[in-house]
C-alpha atoms as a PDB file:
ATOM      1  CA  UNK A   1      61.819 -27.718   6.997  1.00  0.00           C
ATOM      2  CA  UNK A   2      63.034 -31.289   7.310  1.00  0.00           C
ATOM      3  CA  UNK A   3      64.740 -33.492   4.742  1.00  0.00           C
ATOM      4  CA  UNK A   4      64.979 -37.268   5.049  1.00  0.00           C
ATOM      5  CA  UNK A   5      63.734 -37.121   8.653  1.00  0.00           C
ATOM      6  CA  UNK A   6      67.223 -36.075   9.738  1.00  0.00           C
ATOM      7  CA  UNK A   7      68.214 -32.654   8.396  1.00  0.00           C
ATOM      8  CA  UNK A   8      66.336 -29.791  10.042  1.00  0.00           C
ATOM      9  CA  UNK A   9      66.469 -26.232   8.725  1.00  0.00           C
ATOM     10  CA  UNK A  10      64.854 -23.711  11.074  1.00  0.00           C
ATOM     11  CA  UNK A  11      62.230 -21.389   9.592  1.00  0.00           C
ATOM     12  CA  UNK A  12      64.086 -18.257  10.741  1.00  0.00           C
ATOM     13  CA  UNK A  13      67.100 -19.269   8.660  1.00  0.00           C
ATOM     14  CA  UNK A  14      64.982 -19.726   5.556  1.00  0.00           C
ATOM     15  CA  UNK A  15      63.291 -16.361   6.058  1.00  0.00           C
ATOM     16  CA  UNK A  16      66.620 -14.682   6.829  1.00  0.00           C
ATOM     17  CA  UNK A  17      67.999 -15.648   3.427  1.00  0.00           C
ATOM     18  CA  UNK A  18      65.025 -13.939   1.777  1.00  0.00           C
ATOM     19  CA  UNK A  19      65.076 -15.967  -1.417  1.00  0.00           C
ATOM     20  CA  UNK A  20      61.898 -17.127  -3.115  1.00  0.00           C
ATOM     21  CA  UNK A  21      62.132 -20.662  -4.414  1.00  0.00           C
ATOM     22  CA  UNK A  22      59.743 -21.937  -7.041  1.00  0.00           C
ATOM     23  CA  UNK A  23      58.105 -25.149  -5.904  1.00  0.00           C
ATOM     24  CA  UNK A  24      56.165 -27.248  -8.350  1.00  0.00           C
ATOM     25  CA  UNK A  25      52.832 -28.752  -7.413  1.00  0.00           C
ATOM     26  CA  UNK A  26      54.416 -32.204  -7.627  1.00  0.00           C
ATOM     27  CA  UNK A  27      57.189 -31.162  -5.215  1.00  0.00           C
ATOM     28  CA  UNK A  28      54.601 -29.751  -2.825  1.00  0.00           C
ATOM     29  CA  UNK A  29      52.586 -32.991  -2.880  1.00  0.00           C
ATOM     30  CA  UNK A  30      55.755 -35.004  -2.293  1.00  0.00           C
ATOM     31  CA  UNK A  31      56.659 -32.829   0.677  1.00  0.00           C
ATOM     32  CA  UNK A  32      53.179 -33.154   2.175  1.00  0.00           C
ATOM     33  CA  UNK A  33      53.129 -36.904   1.606  1.00  0.00           C
ATOM     34  CA  UNK A  34      56.403 -37.355   3.459  1.00  0.00           C
ATOM     35  CA  UNK A  35      55.893 -34.841   6.265  1.00  0.00           C
ATOM     36  CA  UNK A  36      52.216 -34.721   7.205  1.00  0.00           C
ATOM     37  CA  UNK A  37      50.535 -37.594   9.064  1.00  0.00           C
ATOM     38  CA  UNK A  38      46.972 -38.238  10.130  1.00  0.00           C
ATOM     39  CA  UNK A  39      45.788 -39.255  13.590  1.00  0.00           C
ATOM     40  CA  UNK A  40      46.137 -42.973  12.929  1.00  0.00           C
ATOM     41  CA  UNK A  41      49.734 -42.671  11.723  1.00  0.00           C
ATOM     42  CA  UNK A  42      50.578 -40.265  14.567  1.00  0.00           C
ATOM     43  CA  UNK A  43      49.390 -42.895  17.045  1.00  0.00           C
ATOM     44  CA  UNK A  44      51.551 -45.508  15.334  1.00  0.00           C
ATOM     45  CA  UNK A  45      54.621 -43.252  15.459  1.00  0.00           C
ATOM     46  CA  UNK A  46      54.078 -42.401  19.129  1.00  0.00           C
ATOM     47  CA  UNK A  47      52.960 -45.927  19.976  1.00  0.00           C
ATOM     48  CA  UNK A  48      49.850 -44.677  21.756  1.00  0.00           C
ATOM     49  CA  UNK A  49      46.078 -44.822  21.500  1.00  0.00           C
ATOM     50  CA  UNK A  50      43.864 -42.160  19.943  1.00  0.00           C
ATOM     51  CA  UNK A  51      42.621 -41.280  23.414  1.00  0.00           C
ATOM     52  CA  UNK A  52      46.184 -40.812  24.643  1.00  0.00           C
ATOM     53  CA  UNK A  53      47.041 -38.642  21.629  1.00  0.00           C
ATOM     54  CA  UNK A  54      43.929 -36.550  22.271  1.00  0.00           C
ATOM     55  CA  UNK A  55      45.056 -36.082  25.881  1.00  0.00           C
ATOM     56  CA  UNK A  56      48.535 -35.002  24.719  1.00  0.00           C
ATOM     57  CA  UNK A  57      46.982 -32.467  22.320  1.00  0.00           C
ATOM     58  CA  UNK A  58      44.688 -31.084  25.053  1.00  0.00           C
ATOM     59  CA  UNK A  59      47.738 -30.628  27.310  1.00  0.00           C
ATOM     60  CA  UNK A  60      49.321 -28.565  24.471  1.00  0.00           C
ATOM     61  CA  UNK A  61      52.291 -30.896  24.137  1.00  0.00           C
ATOM     62  CA  UNK A  62      51.516 -31.460  20.450  1.00  0.00           C
ATOM     63  CA  UNK A  63      49.690 -29.043  18.160  1.00  0.00           C
ATOM     64  CA  UNK A  64      47.934 -30.386  15.077  1.00  0.00           C
ATOM     65  CA  UNK A  65      48.255 -28.347  11.889  1.00  0.00           C
ATOM     66  CA  UNK A  66      44.610 -29.131  11.098  1.00  0.00           C
ATOM     67  CA  UNK A  67      41.789 -30.046  13.466  1.00  0.00           C
ATOM     68  CA  UNK A  68      38.826 -32.019  12.170  1.00  0.00           C
ATOM     69  CA  UNK A  69      36.067 -33.990  13.858  1.00  0.00           C
ATOM     70  CA  UNK A  70      37.216 -37.135  12.009  1.00  0.00           C
ATOM     71  CA  UNK A  71      40.873 -36.704  12.921  1.00  0.00           C
ATOM     72  CA  UNK A  72      43.774 -34.284  12.867  1.00  0.00           C
ATOM     73  CA  UNK A  73      46.846 -33.736  10.723  1.00  0.00           C
ATOM     74  CA  UNK A  74      50.290 -33.427  12.299  1.00  0.00           C
ATOM     75  CA  UNK A  75      53.773 -32.515  11.141  1.00  0.00           C
ATOM     76  CA  UNK A  76      55.690 -35.784  11.356  1.00  0.00           C
ATOM     77  CA  UNK A  77      58.967 -34.208  12.434  1.00  0.00           C
ATOM     78  CA  UNK A  78      57.345 -32.451  15.384  1.00  0.00           C
ATOM     79  CA  UNK A  79      55.886 -35.747  16.589  1.00  0.00           C
ATOM     80  CA  UNK A  80      59.216 -37.536  16.350  1.00  0.00           C
ATOM     81  CA  UNK A  81      61.306 -34.772  17.922  1.00  0.00           C
ATOM     82  CA  UNK A  82      58.865 -33.722  20.639  1.00  0.00           C
ATOM     83  CA  UNK A  83      59.370 -34.699  24.264  1.00  0.00           C
ATOM     84  CA  UNK A  84      55.948 -35.846  25.399  1.00  0.00           C
ATOM     85  CA  UNK A  85      55.266 -35.142  29.056  1.00  0.00           C
END
């Protein structure tokens, strides 16, 4: 989980604490809106073309959270923190 594009909390730590936190639908939508990007926005963040992004995905350097024929969805933090080879 990432807050403000700068504070990362690893999933294992969240699971280790074992506490269920109620999240409202509004909070969930806010989280998605800030942390999930489509193919076009991913290309803007990585400063690359769609073809280049597709190549990076095929090489398994970035994994979309959702694949679709019209485009993919990516976790913004993983794009920004990933070393692309």
